[in-house]
């Protein structure tokens, strides 16, 4: 049984509800997880509130010492964390290892919190008066993370929040909760005081409890757009600071002058890595005439080499996270065929290196997709790649900008002028030039535009530091004991 982790130890909570945790490569129930009640969440928040009273006053040296220790533990045991991710999510081990590495980079960034919190000081803004700014922690903050990156996404937020002096309550996805608990154990081993980092498992009841609890000052969320909108609206209605990262429909524009072998490799890697269960996956390739037929042929030939199967067997692509999600994605494949798209590769009956009960769906490629089809409009979150034909750069740009999503996009071209124009004109938060998955490094911020982000603050980087702190400006005067007498006028500089 996977339990909560509250106050520095494993905790069953009061609720007897549990959920199933599958091994996606076999289809078998591998474990069960406790599901928190509203009262359980309240207890975890109370523990965090008690812990933050002293943690917020801990020196920056103390905070960074804990983070450096956590970094060393995680780096030494990264294979253990990757194995947990693969066992519960299904992505192949190499992909899980990459996820762990990107999360580790945020931990390393958070180790620099003394510099990141350094603010400004102005002497003599008026005669004998100094002014300076400081940033202080919020208190108790919540992180609600998705199933597709059970290690990396929590690490986008938790290390920075803790380094800034907050206490955290993390609610990971109940589909693959093991990574969160393992990281909580490592934080405790690194010397983090009890209650500063807590993990509660659960479903909507736990989410609503975090959104409603008056002690929770901020919420970081990653998930689908409908849920992100719900989290943002309910959280802000309760006076909380919210960053809610939503869904995506990422387009990759390929201009006629592009290196088509590079573009085909990129489309396959970005479209089918982690079985397409990435918010930064490429799901639409916009082929600008006249290269459409050639590009589709090259993508299809590469797809034929993809080995689908158990992620622990050296395969290229693993299963989907649950049977229900696999069936949902397969229904989109059927809808694409019915709508008249050309199914170049149909992945509904794949040959797999794995057990028959696994949640398998092979890579799928559609050509001649039009913007009115559900496989184009909806976030499928699976290994389904759609090719749309465009007559010009302007038409391709219009397709990207007309999408309600604005998470990531890419352009493949050898024309520097076209690339510069695209990065300037496209209405998307993260842009790649001959880079299909433009996920920023930890010292830049991750976030989209339009329906891909609710709130105005992106994840990690300086925006992450600012999200988990609030500013204060101090104006001070140190003079002799006498004062200047009464003056009810508005203060001015002298």
Protein backbone atom coordinates (compact mmCIF):
# COMPACT_ATOMS: atom_id res chain seq x y z
CA UNK A 1 0.00 0.00 0.00
CA UNK A 2 1.33 3.42 -1.00
CA UNK A 3 0.63 5.82 1.87
CA UNK A 4 0.80 9.56 2.36
CA UNK A 5 4.01 11.15 3.65
CA UNK A 6 3.23 13.82 6.24
CA UNK A 7 5.34 15.29 8.98
CA UNK A 8 8.46 13.42 7.92
CA UNK A 9 6.94 9.93 7.98
CA UNK A 10 4.54 7.62 6.20
CA UNK A 11 0.95 8.16 7.24
CA UNK A 12 -2.25 6.23 6.48
CA UNK A 13 -4.64 9.09 7.14
CA UNK A 14 -8.21 8.64 8.26
CA UNK A 15 -9.81 7.77 4.93
CA UNK A 16 -10.13 4.10 4.00
CA UNK A 17 -10.59 4.84 0.29
CA UNK A 18 -7.90 3.48 -2.01
CA UNK A 19 -7.10 3.47 -5.70
CA UNK A 20 -5.41 1.02 -8.04
CA UNK A 21 -1.89 1.57 -9.35
CA UNK A 22 -1.22 -0.43 -12.51
CA UNK A 23 1.87 -1.76 -14.20
CA UNK A 24 0.98 -0.42 -17.67
CA UNK A 25 3.21 -2.94 -19.44
CA UNK A 26 1.29 -5.90 -18.02
CA UNK A 27 -2.11 -4.43 -17.25
CA UNK A 28 -1.94 -5.89 -13.74
CA UNK A 29 -2.68 -4.02 -10.53
CA UNK A 30 0.78 -3.60 -9.02
CA UNK A 31 -0.20 -1.72 -5.85
CA UNK A 32 -2.87 0.35 -4.17
CA UNK A 33 -2.70 3.94 -2.98
CA UNK A 34 -4.44 5.73 -0.12
CA UNK A 35 -6.89 8.45 -1.24
CA UNK A 36 -7.09 11.39 1.14
CA UNK A 37 -10.30 12.84 2.48
CA UNK A 38 -10.88 16.55 3.04
CA UNK A 39 -10.01 16.01 6.70
CA UNK A 40 -6.77 14.24 5.76
CA UNK A 41 -5.72 17.15 3.57
CA UNK A 42 -6.56 19.53 6.39
CA UNK A 43 -4.29 17.64 8.75
CA UNK A 44 -1.44 17.72 6.24
CA UNK A 45 -1.88 21.46 5.76
CA UNK A 46 -1.86 21.98 9.54
CA UNK A 47 1.40 20.03 9.79
CA UNK A 48 2.90 22.16 7.02
CA UNK A 49 1.73 25.36 8.70
CA UNK A 50 3.40 24.36 11.96
CA UNK A 51 6.63 23.52 10.14
CA UNK A 52 6.81 26.71 8.08
CA UNK A 53 6.80 28.85 11.20
CA UNK A 54 10.45 28.01 11.77
CA UNK A 55 11.50 27.04 8.24
CA UNK A 56 10.74 30.50 6.83
CA UNK A 57 13.22 31.91 9.33
CA UNK A 58 15.89 29.31 8.58
CA UNK A 59 19.03 30.85 7.15
CA UNK A 60 19.70 30.69 3.46
CA UNK A 61 22.79 28.68 4.33
CA UNK A 62 20.64 26.07 6.09
CA UNK A 63 18.14 25.87 3.23
CA UNK A 64 20.83 25.47 0.59
CA UNK A 65 22.62 22.83 2.67
CA UNK A 66 19.45 20.72 2.63
CA UNK A 67 18.99 21.22 -1.10
CA UNK A 68 22.59 20.32 -1.87
CA UNK A 69 22.22 17.18 0.24
CA UNK A 70 18.98 16.26 -1.57
CA UNK A 71 20.72 16.85 -4.88
CA UNK A 72 23.50 14.43 -3.97
CA UNK A 73 21.04 11.73 -2.86
CA UNK A 74 18.95 12.10 -6.00
CA UNK A 75 21.96 12.11 -8.28
CA UNK A 76 23.36 8.95 -6.68
CA UNK A 77 20.01 7.11 -6.84
CA UNK A 78 18.60 8.47 -10.08
CA UNK A 79 18.28 4.98 -11.55
CA UNK A 80 16.03 3.96 -8.65
CA UNK A 81 13.73 6.92 -9.28
CA UNK A 82 13.64 6.25 -13.03
CA UNK A 83 12.72 2.62 -12.39
CA UNK A 84 9.75 3.70 -10.26
CA UNK A 85 8.60 6.06 -13.01
CA UNK A 86 8.78 3.32 -15.64
CA UNK A 87 7.04 0.75 -13.45
CA UNK A 88 4.02 2.98 -12.78
CA UNK A 89 3.85 5.26 -15.81
CA UNK A 90 5.14 2.92 -18.51
CA UNK A 91 7.61 5.18 -20.31
CA UNK A 92 10.84 3.48 -21.28
CA UNK A 93 13.76 3.61 -18.86
CA UNK A 94 15.86 5.94 -21.01
CA UNK A 95 12.99 8.41 -21.16
CA UNK A 96 12.42 8.14 -17.42
CA UNK A 97 16.13 8.81 -16.86
CA UNK A 98 15.85 11.94 -18.99
CA UNK A 99 12.89 13.10 -16.90
CA UNK A 100 14.89 12.64 -13.72
CA UNK A 101 17.82 14.58 -15.18
CA UNK A 102 15.64 17.55 -16.11
CA UNK A 103 14.13 17.57 -12.63
CA UNK A 104 17.59 17.41 -11.11
CA UNK A 105 18.54 20.55 -13.03
CA UNK A 106 15.79 22.48 -11.24
CA UNK A 107 17.09 21.22 -7.90
CA UNK A 108 20.53 22.54 -8.86
CA UNK A 109 18.97 25.87 -9.85
CA UNK A 110 17.21 26.08 -6.48
CA UNK A 111 20.55 25.56 -4.74
CA UNK A 112 21.36 29.07 -5.91
CA UNK A 113 18.48 30.59 -3.95
CA UNK A 114 20.69 33.10 -2.07
CA UNK A 115 21.51 34.81 -5.35
CA UNK A 116 17.97 34.41 -6.69
CA UNK A 117 16.50 36.19 -3.64
CA UNK A 118 19.02 39.00 -3.70
CA UNK A 119 17.19 42.30 -4.10
CA UNK A 120 17.99 46.00 -4.42
CA UNK A 121 19.10 48.76 -2.07
CA UNK A 122 19.06 52.49 -2.73
CA UNK A 123 20.88 54.82 -0.38
CA UNK A 124 19.66 58.39 0.22
CA UNK A 125 16.45 58.25 -1.79
CA UNK A 126 15.74 61.32 0.30
CA UNK A 127 18.00 63.04 2.79
CA UNK A 128 19.02 60.39 5.31
CA UNK A 129 16.46 57.92 3.95
CA UNK A 130 17.29 54.53 2.43
CA UNK A 131 14.97 52.24 0.50
CA UNK A 132 15.35 48.55 -0.23
CA UNK A 133 13.32 45.57 -1.37
CA UNK A 134 13.07 42.05 0.03
CA UNK A 135 11.21 38.91 -0.98
CA UNK A 136 9.60 36.70 1.63
CA UNK A 137 7.97 33.23 1.49
CA UNK A 138 4.22 32.85 1.20
CA UNK A 139 3.77 30.14 3.84
CA UNK A 140 2.05 26.89 2.90
CA UNK A 141 1.81 26.20 -0.83
CA UNK A 142 0.29 23.31 -2.77
CA UNK A 143 1.51 21.50 -5.88
CA UNK A 144 -0.86 19.33 -7.92
CA UNK A 145 1.09 17.34 -10.51
CA UNK A 146 0.08 15.12 -13.46
CA UNK A 147 0.73 11.47 -14.29
CA UNK A 148 2.91 12.03 -17.35
CA UNK A 149 5.96 13.37 -15.48
CA UNK A 150 5.66 12.03 -11.92
CA UNK A 151 9.21 13.10 -11.02
CA UNK A 152 10.04 16.10 -13.19
CA UNK A 153 6.91 18.21 -12.78
CA UNK A 154 6.92 18.13 -8.95
CA UNK A 155 10.58 19.11 -9.16
CA UNK A 156 9.66 22.15 -11.26
CA UNK A 157 8.01 23.60 -8.17
CA UNK A 158 8.93 21.87 -4.90
CA UNK A 159 12.68 22.67 -4.68
CA UNK A 160 12.13 26.37 -5.46
CA UNK A 161 9.20 26.65 -3.05
CA UNK A 162 11.21 25.00 -0.26
CA UNK A 163 14.35 27.00 -1.00
CA UNK A 164 12.31 30.21 -0.79
CA UNK A 165 11.19 29.27 2.73
CA UNK A 166 7.75 27.77 2.14
CA UNK A 167 6.26 24.47 3.27
CA UNK A 168 4.75 22.29 0.53
CA UNK A 169 1.83 19.89 0.26
CA UNK A 170 2.17 17.88 -2.96
CA UNK A 171 -0.73 15.93 -4.43
CA UNK A 172 0.73 13.78 -7.19
CA UNK A 173 -1.34 11.84 -9.69
CA UNK A 174 -2.93 8.82 -8.07
CA UNK A 175 -2.02 6.85 -11.22
CA UNK A 176 1.74 6.84 -10.48
CA UNK A 177 2.35 8.19 -6.96
CA UNK A 178 5.49 6.24 -6.08
CA UNK A 179 8.01 8.80 -7.34
CA UNK A 180 6.60 11.54 -5.10
CA UNK A 181 6.87 9.40 -1.98
CA UNK A 182 10.42 8.36 -2.82
CA UNK A 183 11.47 11.99 -3.22
CA UNK A 184 9.81 12.87 0.09
CA UNK A 185 11.87 10.16 1.78
CA UNK A 186 15.02 11.59 0.22
CA UNK A 187 14.20 15.12 1.38
CA UNK A 188 13.81 13.78 4.92
CA UNK A 189 17.13 11.97 4.62
CA UNK A 190 18.72 15.21 3.39
CA UNK A 191 17.78 16.90 6.64
CA UNK A 192 14.64 18.80 5.67
CA UNK A 193 12.67 19.46 8.88
CA UNK A 194 9.55 17.37 9.39
CA UNK A 195 6.46 18.85 7.81
CA UNK A 196 8.19 21.14 5.31
CA UNK A 197 7.47 18.71 2.46
CA UNK A 198 4.36 16.54 2.60
CA UNK A 199 2.70 14.23 0.08
CA UNK A 200 -1.02 13.47 0.10
CA UNK A 201 -2.58 11.20 -2.50
CA UNK A 202 -6.08 11.58 -3.75
CA UNK A 203 -8.59 12.50 -6.39
CA UNK A 204 -10.91 15.49 -6.84
CA UNK A 205 -11.79 15.56 -3.15
CA UNK A 206 -8.16 16.15 -2.24
CA UNK A 207 -7.73 18.76 -4.98
CA UNK A 208 -10.79 20.69 -3.84
CA UNK A 209 -9.62 20.54 -0.24
CA UNK A 210 -6.32 22.17 -1.21
CA UNK A 211 -8.07 24.80 -3.33
CA UNK A 212 -10.45 25.67 -0.50
CA UNK A 213 -8.16 25.54 2.54
CA UNK A 214 -7.53 29.09 3.79
CA UNK A 215 -3.99 28.30 4.97
CA UNK A 216 -2.83 27.34 1.46
CA UNK A 217 -1.57 30.56 -0.08
CA UNK A 218 -0.63 29.41 -3.57
CA UNK A 219 -1.30 26.50 -5.92
CA UNK A 220 0.86 25.21 -8.78
CA UNK A 221 -0.92 22.86 -11.17
CA UNK A 222 -0.11 21.00 -14.39
CA UNK A 223 -2.76 19.03 -16.28
CA UNK A 224 -5.44 19.28 -18.94
CA UNK A 225 -6.92 22.63 -19.92
CA UNK A 226 -10.42 22.00 -18.51
CA UNK A 227 -8.99 21.05 -15.11
CA UNK A 228 -6.42 23.87 -15.22
CA UNK A 229 -9.24 26.36 -15.78
CA UNK A 230 -11.19 24.84 -12.89
CA UNK A 231 -8.18 24.96 -10.56
CA UNK A 232 -7.45 28.56 -11.50
CA UNK A 233 -11.01 29.77 -11.07
CA UNK A 234 -11.65 27.97 -7.79
CA UNK A 235 -8.24 28.79 -6.35
CA UNK A 236 -8.33 32.48 -7.21
CA UNK A 237 -11.93 32.73 -5.97
CA UNK A 238 -10.52 31.65 -2.62
CA UNK A 239 -7.88 34.37 -2.75
CA UNK A 240 -4.95 32.16 -3.70
CA UNK A 241 -2.11 32.81 -6.07
CA UNK A 242 -2.46 30.20 -8.87
CA UNK A 243 -0.33 29.07 -11.78
CA UNK A 244 -2.27 26.44 -13.74
CA UNK A 245 -0.51 25.00 -16.76
CA UNK A 246 -2.98 23.39 -19.15
CA UNK A 247 -3.06 21.34 -22.31
CA UNK A 248 -1.48 21.72 -25.71
CA UNK A 249 -1.72 21.05 -29.41
CA UNK A 250 1.84 21.65 -30.50
CA UNK A 251 2.49 22.36 -34.18
CA UNK A 252 5.77 21.77 -36.00
CA UNK A 253 6.03 23.84 -39.18
CA UNK A 254 8.30 22.43 -41.91
CA UNK A 255 9.25 24.88 -44.65
CA UNK A 256 10.28 23.69 -48.14
CA UNK A 257 13.95 24.56 -47.57
CA UNK A 258 14.23 22.47 -44.38
CA UNK A 259 16.47 19.44 -43.97
CA UNK A 260 13.71 16.84 -44.38
CA UNK A 261 15.68 14.03 -42.77
CA UNK A 262 16.21 16.17 -39.68
CA UNK A 263 12.54 17.16 -39.71
CA UNK A 264 11.35 13.56 -40.08
CA UNK A 265 13.56 12.42 -37.20
CA UNK A 266 12.27 15.27 -35.07
CA UNK A 267 8.62 14.56 -35.85
CA UNK A 268 8.98 10.90 -34.87
CA UNK A 269 11.01 11.58 -31.74
CA UNK A 270 8.78 14.41 -30.52
CA UNK A 271 5.53 12.79 -31.57
CA UNK A 272 6.01 9.31 -30.12
CA UNK A 273 8.44 9.72 -27.25
CA UNK A 274 6.74 8.68 -24.00
CA UNK A 275 3.88 7.38 -26.19
CA UNK A 276 2.89 10.97 -26.90
CA UNK A 277 2.02 11.56 -23.25
CA UNK A 278 3.87 14.86 -23.06
CA UNK A 279 2.41 18.36 -22.95
CA UNK A 280 5.29 19.35 -25.25
CA UNK A 281 4.80 16.48 -27.71
CA UNK A 282 4.47 17.43 -31.36
CA UNK A 283 1.00 16.33 -32.41
CA UNK A 284 0.62 18.31 -35.65
CA UNK A 285 3.16 18.62 -38.46
CA UNK A 286 2.37 21.47 -40.84
CA UNK A 287 4.03 20.58 -44.15
CA UNK A 288 4.38 23.62 -46.40
CA UNK A 289 4.07 22.67 -50.06
CA UNK A 290 5.62 21.13 -52.05
CA UNK A 291 7.39 18.85 -49.53
CA UNK A 292 4.35 17.14 -47.95
CA UNK A 293 4.50 13.78 -49.73
CA UNK A 294 8.24 13.41 -49.25
CA UNK A 295 8.07 14.33 -45.57
CA UNK A 296 5.21 11.91 -44.87
CA UNK A 297 7.11 9.09 -46.57
CA UNK A 298 10.20 9.75 -44.49
CA UNK A 299 8.21 9.92 -41.24
CA UNK A 300 6.44 6.65 -42.07
CA UNK A 301 9.68 4.85 -42.91
CA UNK A 302 11.14 5.83 -39.54
CA UNK A 303 8.00 4.77 -37.70
CA UNK A 304 8.46 1.25 -39.07
CA UNK A 305 11.61 0.94 -36.98
CA UNK A 306 9.99 1.87 -33.66
CA UNK A 307 9.96 -1.02 -31.21
CA UNK A 308 6.90 -0.81 -28.95
CA UNK A 309 6.92 -2.78 -25.72
CA UNK A 310 7.84 -3.03 -22.07
CA UNK A 311 9.98 -0.04 -21.12
CA UNK A 312 12.28 -2.31 -19.09
CA UNK A 313 13.27 -4.33 -22.17
CA UNK A 314 15.11 -1.66 -24.14
CA UNK A 315 12.12 -0.76 -26.31
CA UNK A 316 11.64 2.63 -27.97
CA UNK A 317 8.06 3.32 -26.88
CA UNK A 318 6.10 1.93 -23.96
CA UNK A 319 2.41 1.51 -23.19
CA UNK A 320 -0.09 4.19 -22.25
CA UNK A 321 -0.65 4.84 -18.56
CA UNK A 322 -4.04 3.09 -18.14
CA UNK A 323 -6.40 0.94 -20.13
CA UNK A 324 -9.06 3.65 -20.07
CA UNK A 325 -6.64 6.20 -21.51
CA UNK A 326 -5.49 3.74 -24.18
CA UNK A 327 -9.12 3.19 -25.21
CA UNK A 328 -9.73 6.93 -25.33
CA UNK A 329 -6.76 7.50 -27.63
CA UNK A 330 -7.79 4.57 -29.83
CA UNK A 331 -11.23 6.16 -30.20
CA UNK A 332 -9.56 9.22 -31.70
CA UNK A 333 -7.82 7.02 -34.25
CA UNK A 334 -11.20 5.61 -35.24
CA UNK A 335 -12.63 9.12 -35.42
CA UNK A 336 -9.79 10.24 -37.71
CA UNK A 337 -10.47 7.40 -40.11
CA UNK A 338 -14.19 8.12 -40.07
CA UNK A 339 -13.58 11.83 -40.73
CA UNK A 340 -11.64 11.02 -43.90
CA UNK A 341 -8.03 11.55 -42.87
CA UNK A 342 -5.54 9.23 -44.53
CA UNK A 343 -4.32 6.65 -42.00
CA UNK A 344 -0.76 6.17 -43.21
CA UNK A 345 0.10 4.07 -40.14
CA UNK A 346 -2.67 2.71 -37.90
CA UNK A 347 -1.38 1.75 -34.46
CA UNK A 348 -4.50 0.06 -33.09
CA UNK A 349 -3.16 -3.47 -33.57
CA UNK A 350 0.54 -3.18 -32.78
CA UNK A 351 3.17 -5.88 -32.56
CA UNK A 352 4.66 -5.45 -29.11
CA UNK A 353 7.53 -6.77 -27.06
CA UNK A 354 5.48 -7.19 -23.91
CA UNK A 355 2.63 -9.00 -22.25
CA UNK A 356 -0.71 -9.15 -24.00
CA UNK A 357 -2.51 -7.40 -21.15
CA UNK A 358 -0.44 -4.21 -21.40
CA UNK A 359 -2.04 -0.93 -22.38
CA UNK A 360 -0.66 -0.95 -25.90
CA UNK A 361 -1.25 1.39 -28.80
CA UNK A 362 1.27 1.70 -31.59
CA UNK A 363 2.46 4.89 -33.27
CA UNK A 364 -0.19 6.30 -35.60
CA UNK A 365 0.27 8.71 -38.50
CA UNK A 366 -2.51 10.60 -40.30
CA UNK A 367 -2.06 12.64 -43.46
CA UNK A 368 -4.36 15.21 -45.10
CA UNK A 369 -5.82 16.19 -41.74
CA UNK A 370 -8.04 19.27 -41.77
CA UNK A 371 -8.67 21.76 -38.94
CA UNK A 372 -12.29 20.65 -38.48
CA UNK A 373 -11.35 17.07 -37.47
CA UNK A 374 -11.28 16.05 -33.80
CA UNK A 375 -7.81 14.57 -34.21
CA UNK A 376 -6.68 18.12 -35.01
CA UNK A 377 -8.73 20.15 -32.55
CA UNK A 378 -8.46 17.97 -29.43
CA UNK A 379 -5.50 17.22 -27.21
CA UNK A 380 -5.25 13.45 -27.69
CA UNK A 381 -2.26 12.87 -25.40
CA UNK A 382 -1.17 9.72 -27.15
CA UNK A 383 1.02 8.46 -30.03
CA UNK A 384 -1.06 10.05 -32.81
CA UNK A 385 0.66 12.41 -35.26
CA UNK A 386 -1.36 14.45 -37.75
CA UNK A 387 0.04 16.03 -40.91
CA UNK A 388 -1.70 19.14 -42.24
CA UNK A 389 -0.79 20.58 -45.63
CA UNK A 390 -0.25 24.33 -46.04
CA UNK A 391 0.33 26.31 -49.22
CA UNK A 392 2.59 28.97 -47.68
CA UNK A 393 4.39 30.19 -44.58
CA UNK A 394 1.53 32.61 -43.88
CA UNK A 395 -1.04 29.82 -43.97
CA UNK A 396 1.10 27.68 -41.67
CA UNK A 397 1.52 30.54 -39.19
CA UNK A 398 -2.22 31.17 -39.25
CA UNK A 399 -2.89 27.53 -38.35
CA UNK A 400 -0.63 27.78 -35.30
CA UNK A 401 -2.01 31.12 -34.15
CA UNK A 402 -5.64 30.09 -34.66
CA UNK A 403 -5.21 27.20 -32.23
CA UNK A 404 -6.71 27.89 -28.80
CA UNK A 405 -3.56 26.40 -27.29
CA UNK A 406 -0.17 28.07 -27.15
CA UNK A 407 2.19 25.81 -25.25
CA UNK A 408 5.04 24.88 -27.61
CA UNK A 409 5.79 25.04 -31.31
CA UNK A 410 8.70 24.53 -33.67
CA UNK A 411 9.80 25.57 -37.12
CA UNK A 412 12.21 23.62 -39.32
CA UNK A 413 14.00 25.70 -41.91
CA UNK A 414 17.44 26.70 -43.14
CA UNK A 415 16.27 30.29 -43.66
CA UNK A 416 17.34 32.47 -40.73
CA UNK A 417 15.01 35.26 -41.76
CA UNK A 418 12.00 32.96 -41.81
CA UNK A 419 12.94 31.52 -38.41
CA UNK A 420 13.34 34.98 -36.89
CA UNK A 421 10.02 36.09 -38.34
CA UNK A 422 8.31 32.98 -36.97
CA UNK A 423 9.65 33.37 -33.44
CA UNK A 424 8.45 36.99 -33.48
CA UNK A 425 5.00 36.40 -34.97
CA UNK A 426 3.92 33.09 -33.45
CA UNK A 427 1.54 33.30 -30.46
CA UNK A 428 3.06 30.50 -28.40
CA UNK A 429 4.99 30.54 -25.14
CA UNK A 430 7.89 28.25 -26.09
CA UNK A 431 9.40 28.19 -29.57
CA UNK A 432 11.94 25.84 -31.13
CA UNK A 433 13.99 26.61 -34.23
CA UNK A 434 15.04 23.23 -35.64
CA UNK A 435 14.37 21.95 -32.10
CA UNK A 436 11.13 19.96 -31.83
CA UNK A 437 10.64 20.00 -28.04
CA UNK A 438 11.77 23.45 -26.85
CA UNK A 439 11.57 22.76 -23.10
CA UNK A 440 13.57 25.55 -21.43
CA UNK A 441 16.45 24.87 -19.09
CA UNK A 442 15.84 25.36 -15.38
CA UNK A 443 17.16 28.93 -15.40
CA UNK A 444 14.52 29.95 -17.94
CA UNK A 445 10.80 29.61 -17.24
CA UNK A 446 8.40 27.01 -18.65
CA UNK A 447 4.93 28.07 -19.70
CA UNK A 448 2.52 28.59 -22.56
CA UNK A 449 0.06 31.17 -23.78
CA UNK A 450 -3.70 31.20 -24.32
CA UNK A 451 -5.52 28.09 -23.04
CA UNK A 452 -2.21 26.46 -22.13
CA UNK A 453 -1.73 28.66 -19.05
CA UNK A 454 -4.09 30.19 -16.52
CA UNK A 455 -2.36 32.83 -14.46
CA UNK A 456 0.52 35.02 -15.50
CA UNK A 457 3.48 33.18 -13.97
CA UNK A 458 5.44 30.38 -15.62
CA UNK A 459 7.17 27.48 -13.89
CA UNK A 460 10.73 27.49 -12.49
CA UNK A 461 13.35 30.08 -13.43
CA UNK A 462 13.03 33.56 -11.96
CA UNK A 463 9.27 33.53 -12.50
CA UNK A 464 9.09 30.47 -10.26
CA UNK A 465 11.08 32.22 -7.53
CA UNK A 466 8.78 35.22 -7.73
CA UNK A 467 5.67 33.02 -7.65
CA UNK A 468 6.68 31.45 -4.35
CA UNK A 469 7.65 34.75 -2.73
CA UNK A 470 6.10 38.16 -2.29
CA UNK A 471 7.84 41.48 -2.42
CA UNK A 472 8.18 44.04 0.31
CA UNK A 473 9.75 47.50 0.07
CA UNK A 474 11.22 49.10 3.18
CA UNK A 475 11.93 52.80 3.53
CA UNK A 476 14.06 53.59 6.58
CA UNK A 477 15.59 56.58 8.31
CA UNK A 478 18.17 56.46 11.09
CA UNK A 479 18.69 59.93 12.51
CA UNK A 480 19.21 61.57 15.87
CA UNK A 481 16.44 61.09 18.45
CA UNK A 482 14.72 64.40 17.64
CA UNK A 483 11.95 64.52 15.07
CA UNK A 484 10.76 67.10 12.66
CA UNK A 485 7.34 67.71 14.19
CA UNK A 486 3.93 67.20 12.64
CA UNK A 487 3.57 67.27 8.84
CA UNK A 488 0.37 65.91 7.37
CA UNK A 489 1.42 66.56 3.79
CA UNK A 490 2.16 63.80 1.28
CA UNK A 491 5.83 62.68 1.67
CA UNK A 492 8.13 64.05 -1.04
CA UNK A 493 11.82 63.80 -1.75
CA UNK A 494 14.00 66.55 -0.30
